[in-house]
C-alpha atoms as a PDB file:
ATOM      1  CA  UNK A   1      66.444 125.064  92.712  1.00  0.00           C
ATOM      2  CA  UNK A   2      67.077 125.758  96.402  1.00  0.00           C
ATOM      3  CA  UNK A   3      66.726 122.167  97.752  1.00  0.00           C
ATOM      4  CA  UNK A   4      70.312 121.893  99.031  1.00  0.00           C
ATOM      5  CA  UNK A   5      70.869 125.423 100.456  1.00  0.00           C
ATOM      6  CA  UNK A   6      74.402 125.933 101.716  1.00  0.00           C
ATOM      7  CA  UNK A   7      73.542 128.032 104.722  1.00  0.00           C
ATOM      8  CA  UNK A   8      72.023 125.155 106.688  1.00  0.00           C
ATOM      9  CA  UNK A   9      74.882 122.781 106.410  1.00  0.00           C
ATOM     10  CA  UNK A  10      76.454 123.963 109.660  1.00  0.00           C
ATOM     11  CA  UNK A  11      73.185 122.863 111.369  1.00  0.00           C
ATOM     12  CA  UNK A  12      73.805 119.346 110.044  1.00  0.00           C
ATOM     13  CA  UNK A  13      77.119 119.199 111.820  1.00  0.00           C
ATOM     14  CA  UNK A  14      75.699 120.034 115.220  1.00  0.00           C
ATOM     15  CA  UNK A  15      72.159 118.538 114.941  1.00  0.00           C
ATOM     16  CA  UNK A  16      72.346 115.007 113.550  1.00  0.00           C
ATOM     17  CA  UNK A  17      69.311 113.604 111.805  1.00  0.00           C
ATOM     18  CA  UNK A  18      67.165 110.824 113.349  1.00  0.00           C
ATOM     19  CA  UNK A  19      68.660 108.362 111.006  1.00  0.00           C
ATOM     20  CA  UNK A  20      72.203 109.150 112.225  1.00  0.00           C
ATOM     21  CA  UNK A  21      71.213 108.325 115.860  1.00  0.00           C
ATOM     22  CA  UNK A  22      70.840 104.748 114.853  1.00  0.00           C
ATOM     23  CA  UNK A  23      73.813 103.536 112.724  1.00  0.00           C
ATOM     24  CA  UNK A  24      73.946 100.025 111.172  1.00  0.00           C
ATOM     25  CA  UNK A  25      75.749  97.436 113.238  1.00  0.00           C
ATOM     26  CA  UNK A  26      77.511  94.258 112.067  1.00  0.00           C
ATOM     27  CA  UNK A  27      74.269  92.365 112.409  1.00  0.00           C
ATOM     28  CA  UNK A  28      72.908  91.359 108.949  1.00  0.00           C
ATOM     29  CA  UNK A  29      69.532  93.031 108.068  1.00  0.00           C
ATOM     30  CA  UNK A  30      69.286  91.183 104.825  1.00  0.00           C
ATOM     31  CA  UNK A  31      67.544  88.240 103.232  1.00  0.00           C
ATOM     32  CA  UNK A  32      67.810  87.806  99.433  1.00  0.00           C
ATOM     33  CA  UNK A  33      67.692  85.687  96.305  1.00  0.00           C
ATOM     34  CA  UNK A  34      69.250  85.635  92.845  1.00  0.00           C
ATOM     35  CA  UNK A  35      67.292  87.531  90.200  1.00  0.00           C
ATOM     36  CA  UNK A  36      69.456  86.931  87.185  1.00  0.00           C
ATOM     37  CA  UNK A  37      73.111  86.344  86.266  1.00  0.00           C
ATOM     38  CA  UNK A  38      75.146  88.820  88.230  1.00  0.00           C
ATOM     39  CA  UNK A  39      71.947  90.373  89.776  1.00  0.00           C
ATOM     40  CA  UNK A  40      70.702  89.751  93.366  1.00  0.00           C
ATOM     41  CA  UNK A  41      67.853  91.133  95.339  1.00  0.00           C
ATOM     42  CA  UNK A  42      68.469  91.941  98.978  1.00  0.00           C
ATOM     43  CA  UNK A  43      65.288  92.367 101.093  1.00  0.00           C
ATOM     44  CA  UNK A  44      65.347  94.453 104.277  1.00  0.00           C
ATOM     45  CA  UNK A  45      64.352  92.518 107.413  1.00  0.00           C
ATOM     46  CA  UNK A  46      63.543  95.612 109.423  1.00  0.00           C
ATOM     47  CA  UNK A  47      60.453  97.869 109.208  1.00  0.00           C
ATOM     48  CA  UNK A  48      60.709 101.002 107.144  1.00  0.00           C
ATOM     49  CA  UNK A  49      61.176 104.089 109.300  1.00  0.00           C
ATOM     50  CA  UNK A  50      59.992 106.397 106.537  1.00  0.00           C
ATOM     51  CA  UNK A  51      58.594 106.090 102.957  1.00  0.00           C
ATOM     52  CA  UNK A  52      58.307 108.095  99.841  1.00  0.00           C
ATOM     53  CA  UNK A  53      55.105 109.506  98.588  1.00  0.00           C
ATOM     54  CA  UNK A  54      56.185 108.685  95.056  1.00  0.00           C
ATOM     55  CA  UNK A  55      56.102 105.002  95.358  1.00  0.00           C
ATOM     56  CA  UNK A  56      54.636 102.136  97.350  1.00  0.00           C
ATOM     57  CA  UNK A  57      56.518 100.107  99.933  1.00  0.00           C
ATOM     58  CA  UNK A  58      60.218 100.517 100.729  1.00  0.00           C
ATOM     59  CA  UNK A  59      62.462 102.454  98.276  1.00  0.00           C
ATOM     60  CA  UNK A  60      64.732 100.392  96.060  1.00  0.00           C
ATOM     61  CA  UNK A  61      68.444 100.937  95.789  1.00  0.00           C
ATOM     62  CA  UNK A  62      69.892 100.090  92.366  1.00  0.00           C
ATOM     63  CA  UNK A  63      73.459  99.241  93.304  1.00  0.00           C
ATOM     64  CA  UNK A  64      75.786  99.141  90.289  1.00  0.00           C
ATOM     65  CA  UNK A  65      79.035  97.480  91.412  1.00  0.00           C
ATOM     66  CA  UNK A  66      82.558  98.054  90.360  1.00  0.00           C
ATOM     67  CA  UNK A  67      84.398  95.751  87.976  1.00  0.00           C
ATOM     68  CA  UNK A  68      84.378  92.143  89.298  1.00  0.00           C
ATOM     69  CA  UNK A  69      82.501  93.130  92.462  1.00  0.00           C
ATOM     70  CA  UNK A  70      80.702  90.212  93.830  1.00  0.00           C
ATOM     71  CA  UNK A  71      77.705  89.957  96.212  1.00  0.00           C
ATOM     72  CA  UNK A  72      79.952  89.439  99.306  1.00  0.00           C
ATOM     73  CA  UNK A  73      81.779  92.711  98.348  1.00  0.00           C
ATOM     74  CA  UNK A  74      78.515  94.661  97.930  1.00  0.00           C
ATOM     75  CA  UNK A  75      76.715  93.275 101.005  1.00  0.00           C
ATOM     76  CA  UNK A  76      78.482  95.607 103.383  1.00  0.00           C
ATOM     77  CA  UNK A  77      77.003  98.544 101.419  1.00  0.00           C
ATOM     78  CA  UNK A  78      73.592  96.892 101.075  1.00  0.00           C
ATOM     79  CA  UNK A  79      73.489  96.283 104.842  1.00  0.00           C
ATOM     80  CA  UNK A  80      73.626 100.023 105.422  1.00  0.00           C
ATOM     81  CA  UNK A  81      70.545 100.583 103.282  1.00  0.00           C
ATOM     82  CA  UNK A  82      68.669  97.537 104.571  1.00  0.00           C
ATOM     83  CA  UNK A  83      69.244  98.496 108.085  1.00  0.00           C
ATOM     84  CA  UNK A  84      67.135 101.554 107.400  1.00  0.00           C
ATOM     85  CA  UNK A  85      64.357  99.629 105.582  1.00  0.00           C
ATOM     86  CA  UNK A  86      65.574 100.033 101.966  1.00  0.00           C
ATOM     87  CA  UNK A  87      65.593  97.049  99.559  1.00  0.00           C
ATOM     88  CA  UNK A  88      68.674  96.660  97.305  1.00  0.00           C
ATOM     89  CA  UNK A  89      69.100  95.273  93.843  1.00  0.00           C
ATOM     90  CA  UNK A  90      72.850  94.409  93.529  1.00  0.00           C
ATOM     91  CA  UNK A  91      74.293  94.397  90.097  1.00  0.00           C
ATOM     92  CA  UNK A  92      77.765  93.130  89.282  1.00  0.00           C
ATOM     93  CA  UNK A  93      79.582  94.353  86.164  1.00  0.00           C
ATOM     94  CA  UNK A  94      82.016  92.386  83.976  1.00  0.00           C
ATOM     95  CA  UNK A  95      84.439  93.743  81.420  1.00  0.00           C
ATOM     96  CA  UNK A  96      82.441  92.747  78.330  1.00  0.00           C
ATOM     97  CA  UNK A  97      79.512  94.788  79.562  1.00  0.00           C
ATOM     98  CA  UNK A  98      81.733  97.879  79.538  1.00  0.00           C
ATOM     99  CA  UNK A  99      83.880  97.216  76.459  1.00  0.00           C
ATOM    100  CA  UNK A 100      81.323  95.914  74.067  1.00  0.00           C
ATOM    101  CA  UNK A 101      78.453  98.420  73.394  1.00  0.00           C
ATOM    102  CA  UNK A 102      75.912  95.735  72.407  1.00  0.00           C
ATOM    103  CA  UNK A 103      76.665  93.875  75.667  1.00  0.00           C
ATOM    104  CA  UNK A 104      76.223  97.127  77.709  1.00  0.00           C
ATOM    105  CA  UNK A 105      72.932  97.890  75.910  1.00  0.00           C
ATOM    106  CA  UNK A 106      71.673  94.410  76.405  1.00  0.00           C
ATOM    107  CA  UNK A 107      72.580  94.551  80.062  1.00  0.00           C
ATOM    108  CA  UNK A 108      70.841  97.874  80.435  1.00  0.00           C
ATOM    109  CA  UNK A 109      67.708  96.459  78.759  1.00  0.00           C
ATOM    110  CA  UNK A 110      67.712  93.682  81.243  1.00  0.00           C
ATOM    111  CA  UNK A 111      67.963  96.089  84.228  1.00  0.00           C
ATOM    112  CA  UNK A 112      65.084  98.075  82.910  1.00  0.00           C
ATOM    113  CA  UNK A 113      63.068  94.887  82.417  1.00  0.00           C
ATOM    114  CA  UNK A 114      63.712  93.896  85.994  1.00  0.00           C
ATOM    115  CA  UNK A 115      62.770  97.251  87.405  1.00  0.00           C
ATOM    116  CA  UNK A 116      59.414  96.961  85.654  1.00  0.00           C
ATOM    117  CA  UNK A 117      58.478  93.663  87.270  1.00  0.00           C
ATOM    118  CA  UNK A 118      55.819  93.379  89.940  1.00  0.00           C
ATOM    119  CA  UNK A 119      58.308  93.151  92.823  1.00  0.00           C
ATOM    120  CA  UNK A 120      59.993  96.358  91.939  1.00  0.00           C
ATOM    121  CA  UNK A 121      57.591  98.498  89.910  1.00  0.00           C
ATOM    122  CA  UNK A 122      56.472 101.875  91.340  1.00  0.00           C
ATOM    123  CA  UNK A 123      59.185 101.787  94.020  1.00  0.00           C
ATOM    124  CA  UNK A 124      61.237 105.060  94.322  1.00  0.00           C
ATOM    125  CA  UNK A 125      64.728 104.441  93.179  1.00  0.00           C
ATOM    126  CA  UNK A 126      68.068 105.497  94.598  1.00  0.00           C
ATOM    127  CA  UNK A 127      71.064 104.682  92.376  1.00  0.00           C
ATOM    128  CA  UNK A 128      74.337 103.851  94.134  1.00  0.00           C
ATOM    129  CA  UNK A 129      77.124 103.369  91.539  1.00  0.00           C
ATOM    130  CA  UNK A 130      80.728 102.377  92.046  1.00  0.00           C
ATOM    131  CA  UNK A 131      83.556 103.100  89.512  1.00  0.00           C
ATOM    132  CA  UNK A 132      82.419 101.710  86.156  1.00  0.00           C
ATOM    133  CA  UNK A 133      78.886 101.281  87.575  1.00  0.00           C
ATOM    134  CA  UNK A 134      78.704 105.051  86.718  1.00  0.00           C
ATOM    135  CA  UNK A 135      79.210 104.184  83.022  1.00  0.00           C
ATOM    136  CA  UNK A 136      76.408 101.582  83.169  1.00  0.00           C
ATOM    137  CA  UNK A 137      74.218 104.278  84.653  1.00  0.00           C
ATOM    138  CA  UNK A 138      75.213 106.621  81.915  1.00  0.00           C
ATOM    139  CA  UNK A 139      74.047 103.997  79.358  1.00  0.00           C
ATOM    140  CA  UNK A 140      70.767 103.783  81.252  1.00  0.00           C
ATOM    141  CA  UNK A 141      70.345 107.639  80.941  1.00  0.00           C
ATOM    142  CA  UNK A 142      71.089 107.456  77.231  1.00  0.00           C
ATOM    143  CA  UNK A 143      68.457 104.797  76.799  1.00  0.00           C
ATOM    144  CA  UNK A 144      65.926 106.827  78.756  1.00  0.00           C
ATOM    145  CA  UNK A 145      66.608 109.815  76.492  1.00  0.00           C
ATOM    146  CA  UNK A 146      66.177 107.657  73.346  1.00  0.00           C
ATOM    147  CA  UNK A 147      62.933 106.178  74.510  1.00  0.00           C
ATOM    148  CA  UNK A 148      61.241 108.880  76.610  1.00  0.00           C
ATOM    149  CA  UNK A 149      57.685 107.498  76.238  1.00  0.00           C
ATOM    150  CA  UNK A 150      58.599 104.016  77.169  1.00  0.00           C
ATOM    151  CA  UNK A 151      60.862 104.922  80.182  1.00  0.00           C
ATOM    152  CA  UNK A 152      59.559 108.253  81.295  1.00  0.00           C
ATOM    153  CA  UNK A 153      57.773 106.781  84.369  1.00  0.00           C
ATOM    154  CA  UNK A 154      60.865 104.790  85.322  1.00  0.00           C
ATOM    155  CA  UNK A 155      63.091 107.888  85.077  1.00  0.00           C
ATOM    156  CA  UNK A 156      60.700 109.846  87.365  1.00  0.00           C
ATOM    157  CA  UNK A 157      61.132 107.080  90.035  1.00  0.00           C
ATOM    158  CA  UNK A 158      64.824 108.061  90.445  1.00  0.00           C
ATOM    159  CA  UNK A 159      64.855 110.400  93.513  1.00  0.00           C
ATOM    160  CA  UNK A 160      68.546 110.361  94.294  1.00  0.00           C
ATOM    161  CA  UNK A 161      71.951 109.079  93.117  1.00  0.00           C
ATOM    162  CA  UNK A 162      75.154 108.201  94.909  1.00  0.00           C
ATOM    163  CA  UNK A 163      78.506 107.768  93.134  1.00  0.00           C
ATOM    164  CA  UNK A 164      81.508 106.212  94.821  1.00  0.00           C
ATOM    165  CA  UNK A 165      84.771 106.658  92.873  1.00  0.00           C
ATOM    166  CA  UNK A 166      83.101 107.314  89.457  1.00  0.00           C
ATOM    167  CA  UNK A 167      85.331 106.737  86.470  1.00  0.00           C
ATOM    168  CA  UNK A 168      85.266 109.082  83.559  1.00  0.00           C
ATOM    169  CA  UNK A 169      85.683 107.905  79.944  1.00  0.00           C
ATOM    170  CA  UNK A 170      89.386 108.769  79.752  1.00  0.00           C
ATOM    171  CA  UNK A 171      90.305 106.444  82.698  1.00  0.00           C
ATOM    172  CA  UNK A 172      88.290 103.409  81.625  1.00  0.00           C
ATOM    173  CA  UNK A 173      91.311 101.701  79.937  1.00  0.00           C
ATOM    174  CA  UNK A 174      93.599 102.345  82.796  1.00  0.00           C
ATOM    175  CA  UNK A 175      91.002 101.300  85.436  1.00  0.00           C
ATOM    176  CA  UNK A 176      90.303  97.989  83.604  1.00  0.00           C
ATOM    177  CA  UNK A 177      93.988  97.206  83.128  1.00  0.00           C
ATOM    178  CA  UNK A 178      94.640  97.598  86.901  1.00  0.00           C
ATOM    179  CA  UNK A 179      91.610  95.388  87.696  1.00  0.00           C
ATOM    180  CA  UNK A 180      92.438  92.625  85.196  1.00  0.00           C
ATOM    181  CA  UNK A 181      96.260  92.638  85.310  1.00  0.00           C
ATOM    182  CA  UNK A 182      98.041  90.682  88.057  1.00  0.00           C
ATOM    183  CA  UNK A 183     101.286  92.611  87.921  1.00  0.00           C
ATOM    184  CA  UNK A 184     102.881  95.715  86.496  1.00  0.00           C
ATOM    185  CA  UNK A 185     103.860  94.185  83.147  1.00  0.00           C
ATOM    186  CA  UNK A 186     100.442  92.511  82.478  1.00  0.00           C
ATOM    187  CA  UNK A 187      98.704  95.756  83.447  1.00  0.00           C
ATOM    188  CA  UNK A 188     100.863  97.758  80.912  1.00  0.00           C
ATOM    189  CA  UNK A 189     100.220  95.211  78.226  1.00  0.00           C
ATOM    190  CA  UNK A 190      96.413  95.251  78.834  1.00  0.00           C
ATOM    191  CA  UNK A 191      96.422  99.004  78.966  1.00  0.00           C
ATOM    192  CA  UNK A 192      98.205  99.157  75.649  1.00  0.00           C
ATOM    193  CA  UNK A 193      95.804  96.628  74.028  1.00  0.00           C
ATOM    194  CA  UNK A 194      92.699  98.396  75.400  1.00  0.00           C
ATOM    195  CA  UNK A 195      93.941 101.809  74.098  1.00  0.00           C
ATOM    196  CA  UNK A 196      94.446 100.287  70.618  1.00  0.00           C
ATOM    197  CA  UNK A 197      90.991  98.670  70.809  1.00  0.00           C
ATOM    198  CA  UNK A 198      89.417 101.957  71.660  1.00  0.00           C
ATOM    199  CA  UNK A 199      91.305 103.717  68.840  1.00  0.00           C
ATOM    200  CA  UNK A 200      90.404 101.068  66.222  1.00  0.00           C
ATOM    201  CA  UNK A 201      86.799 100.910  67.263  1.00  0.00           C
ATOM    202  CA  UNK A 202      86.406 104.629  68.087  1.00  0.00           C
ATOM    203  CA  UNK A 203      83.004 105.069  66.329  1.00  0.00           C
ATOM    204  CA  UNK A 204      81.443 102.037  67.908  1.00  0.00           C
ATOM    205  CA  UNK A 205      83.025 102.000  71.334  1.00  0.00           C
ATOM    206  CA  UNK A 206      84.746 105.266  72.268  1.00  0.00           C
ATOM    207  CA  UNK A 207      81.840 107.303  71.150  1.00  0.00           C
ATOM    208  CA  UNK A 208      79.555 105.216  73.253  1.00  0.00           C
ATOM    209  CA  UNK A 209      81.673 106.057  76.255  1.00  0.00           C
ATOM    210  CA  UNK A 210      81.442 109.737  75.354  1.00  0.00           C
ATOM    211  CA  UNK A 211      77.688 109.687  75.062  1.00  0.00           C
ATOM    212  CA  UNK A 212      77.213 107.809  78.365  1.00  0.00           C
ATOM    213  CA  UNK A 213      79.723 110.206  80.034  1.00  0.00           C
ATOM    214  CA  UNK A 214      77.909 113.242  78.657  1.00  0.00           C
ATOM    215  CA  UNK A 215      74.540 111.958  79.864  1.00  0.00           C
ATOM    216  CA  UNK A 216      76.003 111.417  83.399  1.00  0.00           C
ATOM    217  CA  UNK A 217      77.475 114.821  83.497  1.00  0.00           C
ATOM    218  CA  UNK A 218      74.437 116.666  82.103  1.00  0.00           C
ATOM    219  CA  UNK A 219      72.167 115.149  84.821  1.00  0.00           C
ATOM    220  CA  UNK A 220      69.257 116.495  82.791  1.00  0.00           C
ATOM    221  CA  UNK A 221      66.734 115.279  85.315  1.00  0.00           C
ATOM    222  CA  UNK A 222      68.502 117.312  88.075  1.00  0.00           C
ATOM    223  CA  UNK A 223      68.562 114.381  90.432  1.00  0.00           C
ATOM    224  CA  UNK A 224      70.028 115.198  93.886  1.00  0.00           C
ATOM    225  CA  UNK A 225      73.521 113.542  94.012  1.00  0.00           C
ATOM    226  CA  UNK A 226      76.185 112.512  96.573  1.00  0.00           C
ATOM    227  CA  UNK A 227      79.694 112.093  95.322  1.00  0.00           C
ATOM    228  CA  UNK A 228      82.417 110.162  97.250  1.00  0.00           C
ATOM    229  CA  UNK A 229      86.013 110.265  96.089  1.00  0.00           C
ATOM    230  CA  UNK A 230      89.665 110.394  96.999  1.00  0.00           C
ATOM    231  CA  UNK A 231      92.747 112.515  96.001  1.00  0.00           C
ATOM    232  CA  UNK A 232      94.781 109.367  96.126  1.00  0.00           C
ATOM    233  CA  UNK A 233      92.591 107.459  93.722  1.00  0.00           C
ATOM    234  CA  UNK A 234      94.569 106.696  90.529  1.00  0.00           C
ATOM    235  CA  UNK A 235      91.464 105.458  88.650  1.00  0.00           C
ATOM    236  CA  UNK A 236      88.699 108.071  89.406  1.00  0.00           C
ATOM    237  CA  UNK A 237      90.074 111.477  88.625  1.00  0.00           C
ATOM    238  CA  UNK A 238      89.302 113.836  91.429  1.00  0.00           C
ATOM    239  CA  UNK A 239      89.679 116.913  89.190  1.00  0.00           C
ATOM    240  CA  UNK A 240      86.975 115.622  86.841  1.00  0.00           C
ATOM    241  CA  UNK A 241      84.738 114.806  89.763  1.00  0.00           C
ATOM    242  CA  UNK A 242      85.173 118.264  91.261  1.00  0.00           C
ATOM    243  CA  UNK A 243      84.682 119.827  87.843  1.00  0.00           C
ATOM    244  CA  UNK A 244      81.336 118.026  87.680  1.00  0.00           C
ATOM    245  CA  UNK A 245      80.365 119.226  91.204  1.00  0.00           C
ATOM    246  CA  UNK A 246      81.132 122.809  90.178  1.00  0.00           C
ATOM    247  CA  UNK A 247      79.051 122.433  87.043  1.00  0.00           C
ATOM    248  CA  UNK A 248      76.012 121.041  88.947  1.00  0.00           C
ATOM    249  CA  UNK A 249      76.376 123.636  91.669  1.00  0.00           C
ATOM    250  CA  UNK A 250      76.356 126.443  89.091  1.00  0.00           C
ATOM    251  CA  UNK A 251      73.346 124.920  87.396  1.00  0.00           C
ATOM    252  CA  UNK A 252      71.527 124.735  90.750  1.00  0.00           C
ATOM    253  CA  UNK A 253      71.489 120.927  90.865  1.00  0.00           C
ATOM    254  CA  UNK A 254      71.502 119.506  94.467  1.00  0.00           C
ATOM    255  CA  UNK A 255      74.851 117.995  95.202  1.00  0.00           C
ATOM    256  CA  UNK A 256      76.554 116.887  98.375  1.00  0.00           C
ATOM    257  CA  UNK A 257      80.087 115.421  98.404  1.00  0.00           C
ATOM    258  CA  UNK A 258      82.777 114.003 100.616  1.00  0.00           C
ATOM    259  CA  UNK A 259      86.423 113.542  99.774  1.00  0.00           C
ATOM    260  CA  UNK A 260      89.367 111.911 101.462  1.00  0.00           C
ATOM    261  CA  UNK A 261      93.108 112.293 101.027  1.00  0.00           C
ATOM    262  CA  UNK A 262      94.354 108.772 101.515  1.00  0.00           C
ATOM    263  CA  UNK A 263      91.801 106.246 100.405  1.00  0.00           C
ATOM    264  CA  UNK A 264      92.155 104.027  97.287  1.00  0.00           C
ATOM    265  CA  UNK A 265      89.646 103.250  94.633  1.00  0.00           C
ATOM    266  CA  UNK A 266      86.198 102.303  96.111  1.00  0.00           C
ATOM    267  CA  UNK A 267      87.828 101.818  99.481  1.00  0.00           C
ATOM    268  CA  UNK A 268      86.436 104.704 101.425  1.00  0.00           C
ATOM    269  CA  UNK A 269      83.923 102.736 103.509  1.00  0.00           C
ATOM    270  CA  UNK A 270      86.620 100.204 104.389  1.00  0.00           C
ATOM    271  CA  UNK A 271      88.972 102.863 105.766  1.00  0.00           C
ATOM    272  CA  UNK A 272      86.493 105.400 107.208  1.00  0.00           C
ATOM    273  CA  UNK A 273      83.213 103.526 107.854  1.00  0.00           C
ATOM    274  CA  UNK A 274      81.733 106.037 110.323  1.00  0.00           C
ATOM    275  CA  UNK A 275      82.343 109.002 108.042  1.00  0.00           C
ATOM    276  CA  UNK A 276      81.097 107.185 104.962  1.00  0.00           C
ATOM    277  CA  UNK A 277      77.897 106.017 106.737  1.00  0.00           C
ATOM    278  CA  UNK A 278      77.371 109.464 108.212  1.00  0.00           C
ATOM    279  CA  UNK A 279      77.510 111.393 105.039  1.00  0.00           C
ATOM    280  CA  UNK A 280      75.387 108.732 103.202  1.00  0.00           C
ATOM    281  CA  UNK A 281      72.627 108.769 105.802  1.00  0.00           C
ATOM    282  CA  UNK A 282      72.674 112.568 105.917  1.00  0.00           C
ATOM    283  CA  UNK A 283      72.095 112.537 102.176  1.00  0.00           C
ATOM    284  CA  UNK A 284      69.326 109.936 102.334  1.00  0.00           C
ATOM    285  CA  UNK A 285      67.499 111.827 105.148  1.00  0.00           C
ATOM    286  CA  UNK A 286      67.323 114.878 103.013  1.00  0.00           C
ATOM    287  CA  UNK A 287      66.263 113.499  99.661  1.00  0.00           C
ATOM    288  CA  UNK A 288      63.204 115.057  97.918  1.00  0.00           C
ATOM    289  CA  UNK A 289      59.888 113.168  98.559  1.00  0.00           C
ATOM    290  CA  UNK A 290      61.256 111.463 101.690  1.00  0.00           C
ATOM    291  CA  UNK A 291      58.545 111.214 104.346  1.00  0.00           C
ATOM    292  CA  UNK A 292      58.565 110.163 108.002  1.00  0.00           C
ATOM    293  CA  UNK A 293      56.262 107.514 109.496  1.00  0.00           C
ATOM    294  CA  UNK A 294      53.513 110.144 109.960  1.00  0.00           C
ATOM    295  CA  UNK A 295      53.471 110.949 106.250  1.00  0.00           C
ATOM    296  CA  UNK A 296      55.157 114.291 106.918  1.00  0.00           C
ATOM    297  CA  UNK A 297      56.930 114.835 103.650  1.00  0.00           C
ATOM    298  CA  UNK A 298      59.823 117.074 103.143  1.00  0.00           C
ATOM    299  CA  UNK A 299      59.119 117.958  99.542  1.00  0.00           C
ATOM    300  CA  UNK A 300      58.539 121.600 100.369  1.00  0.00           C
ATOM    301  CA  UNK A 301      61.122 121.903 103.105  1.00  0.00           C
ATOM    302  CA  UNK A 302      63.753 123.354 100.798  1.00  0.00           C
ATOM    303  CA  UNK A 303      65.797 124.835 103.571  1.00  0.00           C
ATOM    304  CA  UNK A 304      66.342 121.403 105.238  1.00  0.00           C
ATOM    305  CA  UNK A 305      68.705 120.276 102.398  1.00  0.00           C
ATOM    306  CA  UNK A 306      72.254 121.616 101.863  1.00  0.00           C
ATOM    307  CA  UNK A 307      73.608 122.552  98.503  1.00  0.00           C
ATOM    308  CA  UNK A 308      77.004 121.020  99.232  1.00  0.00           C
ATOM    309  CA  UNK A 309      79.195 119.903 101.995  1.00  0.00           C
ATOM    310  CA  UNK A 310      82.697 120.827 102.811  1.00  0.00           C
ATOM    311  CA  UNK A 311      85.257 118.152 101.963  1.00  0.00           C
ATOM    312  CA  UNK A 312      85.445 117.119 105.577  1.00  0.00           C
ATOM    313  CA  UNK A 313      82.924 116.515 108.363  1.00  0.00           C
ATOM    314  CA  UNK A 314      85.335 117.527 111.051  1.00  0.00           C
END
């Protein structure tokens, strides 16, 4: 698959896409409403500059938040998408939806049900997951593999995926202890209790993590992916992320990435907003099936999309 060819990436550095010429400002481009518990829909107020041939209307961003992320945390990310005409479905994740498989599966079932509603059906989907949001997405992939006939059409609607500080299965307990604990001692206690919980319920819980993690890494649908991570992140392991990048590259799966040396977990946009927005919009502008306002689709323009980025845009 030659969609993200390496040889054109230097052109991206010197010739910015049309999207990059008009970056989001602090003005809100969003109106929205509550869909369900922990789920909000954000509607773009601006005209769509381009659309996808695969769906009708603006593309839909499925935003899977980090632990305890609320709408006011996710809005700064939604605003980037809405400023370009994308609609966003913001989803907050709580600990029980990660630690209890039945809760995770029920949550995933609810998400699928919403995506099949009239307001969202047939829209091309871009997944943007943060931290444990990557696990929830892994559960979605497992569900799609188990019920291919029922969910095949929905799976085909996913045209791109973005992961910011994705946590692998071995860092879930540590990541949750840091998020829940208020100080070092409470964090150590929670970490110990979670590890014991995962050992005692290995068959029902840990194995679930492994299956979701494996589905995430396999990327069986070969979906173009952007990965955003940091070498200073104590929760999302950069070595695991870079191993996944290498695996996808070797398998010919389109992958673009950006790393930083000094940002904390899910804090890249906060510290480097211009770099974050730049790499995100570069990725969006080069997704398969993206068309401009004249219906000139880039589906066959394989040379327009790089295989990877360097770890810096400078």
